Amino acid sequence: MTKLQVRAFIYQLGCFAILFTSFRYIVDQYTNLIGYWVPLTAFAVGTLLSPKFQAVKTKDGEKLFMKWIFIKEIKEM
């Protein structure tokens, strides 16, 4: 793995972890779900809402890109 691929993985993991823990708390406090439904719901919401990072080799070199559900275009980082 290249340096940018590792950075993309860490960014994606960090964003997912933040969203998962926050939604797990929200689902646990404000819904009537119990048992394994709480983390399962938080996992689904965190997966759908977290931005996707990817390292791509271009003719100018390797670049890091981000795609998010709330932004239509793909952004270069």
C-alpha atoms as a PDB file:
ATOM      1  CA  MET A   1       0.000   0.000   0.000  1.00  0.00           C
ATOM      2  CA  THR A   2       1.218   3.465  -0.829  1.00  0.00           C
ATOM      3  CA  LYS A   3       1.276   6.395   1.533  1.00  0.00           C
ATOM      4  CA  LEU A   4      -1.881   7.930   0.032  1.00  0.00           C
ATOM      5  CA  GLN A   5      -3.754   4.620   0.161  1.00  0.00           C
ATOM      6  CA  VAL A   6      -2.951   4.348   3.863  1.00  0.00           C
ATOM      7  CA  ARG A   7      -4.049   7.959   4.393  1.00  0.00           C
ATOM      8  CA  ALA A   8      -7.325   7.282   2.548  1.00  0.00           C
ATOM      9  CA  PHE A   9      -7.953   4.208   4.701  1.00  0.00           C
ATOM     10  CA  ILE A  10      -7.279   6.135   7.922  1.00  0.00           C
ATOM     11  CA  TYR A  11      -9.531   9.034   6.856  1.00  0.00           C
ATOM     12  CA  GLN A  12     -12.344   6.669   5.930  1.00  0.00           C
ATOM     13  CA  LEU A  13     -11.975   4.670   9.141  1.00  0.00           C
ATOM     14  CA  GLY A  14     -11.878   7.832  11.272  1.00  0.00           C
ATOM     15  CA  CYS A  15     -14.970   9.340   9.650  1.00  0.00           C
ATOM     16  CA  PHE A  16     -16.871   6.074  10.009  1.00  0.00           C
ATOM     17  CA  ALA A  17     -15.821   5.677  13.656  1.00  0.00           C
ATOM     18  CA  ILE A  18     -16.991   9.179  14.547  1.00  0.00           C
ATOM     19  CA  LEU A  19     -20.341   8.711  12.821  1.00  0.00           C
ATOM     20  CA  PHE A  20     -20.830   5.187  14.216  1.00  0.00           C
ATOM     21  CA  THR A  21     -20.241   6.189  17.837  1.00  0.00           C
ATOM     22  CA  SER A  22     -22.390   9.301  17.582  1.00  0.00           C
ATOM     23  CA  PHE A  23     -25.276   7.478  15.900  1.00  0.00           C
ATOM     24  CA  ARG A  24     -24.991   4.572  18.325  1.00  0.00           C
ATOM     25  CA  TYR A  25     -25.489   7.012  21.189  1.00  0.00           C
ATOM     26  CA  ILE A  26     -28.366   8.765  19.403  1.00  0.00           C
ATOM     27  CA  VAL A  27     -30.119   5.506  18.517  1.00  0.00           C
ATOM     28  CA  ASP A  28     -29.635   4.157  22.046  1.00  0.00           C
ATOM     29  CA  GLN A  29     -30.972   7.283  23.741  1.00  0.00           C
ATOM     30  CA  TYR A  30     -33.808   8.340  21.444  1.00  0.00           C
ATOM     31  CA  THR A  31     -35.300   5.132  20.037  1.00  0.00           C
ATOM     32  CA  ASN A  32     -36.854   2.038  21.561  1.00  0.00           C
ATOM     33  CA  LEU A  33     -34.422  -0.346  19.864  1.00  0.00           C
ATOM     34  CA  ILE A  34     -32.713  -2.910  22.087  1.00  0.00           C
ATOM     35  CA  GLY A  35     -30.058  -5.575  21.734  1.00  0.00           C
ATOM     36  CA  TYR A  36     -28.060  -5.916  18.548  1.00  0.00           C
ATOM     37  CA  TRP A  37     -30.403  -3.553  16.649  1.00  0.00           C
ATOM     38  CA  VAL A  38     -28.680  -0.508  18.154  1.00  0.00           C
ATOM     39  CA  PRO A  39     -25.192  -1.164  16.710  1.00  0.00           C
ATOM     40  CA  LEU A  40     -26.664  -2.599  13.500  1.00  0.00           C
ATOM     41  CA  THR A  41     -28.656   0.580  12.874  1.00  0.00           C
ATOM     42  CA  ALA A  42     -25.677   2.773  13.761  1.00  0.00           C
ATOM     43  CA  PHE A  43     -23.490   0.727  11.390  1.00  0.00           C
ATOM     44  CA  ALA A  44     -25.938   1.148   8.503  1.00  0.00           C
ATOM     45  CA  VAL A  45     -26.325   4.889   9.040  1.00  0.00           C
ATOM     46  CA  GLY A  46     -22.578   5.389   9.528  1.00  0.00           C
ATOM     47  CA  THR A  47     -21.790   3.450   6.359  1.00  0.00           C
ATOM     48  CA  LEU A  48     -24.270   5.433   4.277  1.00  0.00           C
ATOM     49  CA  LEU A  49     -23.328   8.878   5.597  1.00  0.00           C
ATOM     50  CA  SER A  50     -19.540   8.632   5.851  1.00  0.00           C
ATOM     51  CA  PRO A  51     -17.451  10.078   3.019  1.00  0.00           C
ATOM     52  CA  LYS A  52     -15.534   7.723   0.742  1.00  0.00           C
ATOM     53  CA  PHE A  53     -11.810   8.342   0.180  1.00  0.00           C
ATOM     54  CA  GLN A  54      -9.727   6.813  -2.593  1.00  0.00           C
ATOM     55  CA  ALA A  55      -6.134   7.168  -3.812  1.00  0.00           C
ATOM     56  CA  VAL A  56      -5.914   7.154  -7.607  1.00  0.00           C
ATOM     57  CA  LYS A  57      -2.857   7.076  -9.850  1.00  0.00           C
ATOM     58  CA  THR A  58      -3.105   9.783 -12.516  1.00  0.00           C
ATOM     59  CA  LYS A  59      -0.627  11.001 -15.101  1.00  0.00           C
ATOM     60  CA  ASP A  60       0.341  13.806 -12.676  1.00  0.00           C
ATOM     61  CA  GLY A  61       1.065  11.302  -9.901  1.00  0.00           C
ATOM     62  CA  GLU A  62      -1.018   9.732  -7.179  1.00  0.00           C
ATOM     63  CA  LYS A  63      -3.875  11.863  -5.816  1.00  0.00           C
ATOM     64  CA  LEU A  64      -6.420  11.523  -3.034  1.00  0.00           C
ATOM     65  CA  PHE A  65     -10.114  11.983  -3.865  1.00  0.00           C
ATOM     66  CA  MET A  66     -13.229  12.186  -1.705  1.00  0.00           C
ATOM     67  CA  LYS A  67     -16.869  11.520  -2.558  1.00  0.00           C
ATOM     68  CA  TRP A  68     -19.677  12.305  -0.144  1.00  0.00           C
ATOM     69  CA  ILE A  69     -23.437  11.884  -0.329  1.00  0.00           C
ATOM     70  CA  PHE A  70     -23.994  15.592   0.465  1.00  0.00           C
ATOM     71  CA  ILE A  71     -21.596  16.854  -2.247  1.00  0.00           C
ATOM     72  CA  LYS A  72     -22.369  16.015  -5.869  1.00  0.00           C
ATOM     73  CA  GLU A  73     -18.884  16.293  -7.332  1.00  0.00           C
ATOM     74  CA  ILE A  74     -15.758  14.361  -6.457  1.00  0.00           C
ATOM     75  CA  LYS A  75     -13.260  16.552  -4.607  1.00  0.00           C
ATOM     76  CA  GLU A  76      -9.490  16.305  -4.785  1.00  0.00           C
ATOM     77  CA  MET A  77      -7.849  16.450  -1.399  1.00  0.00           C
END
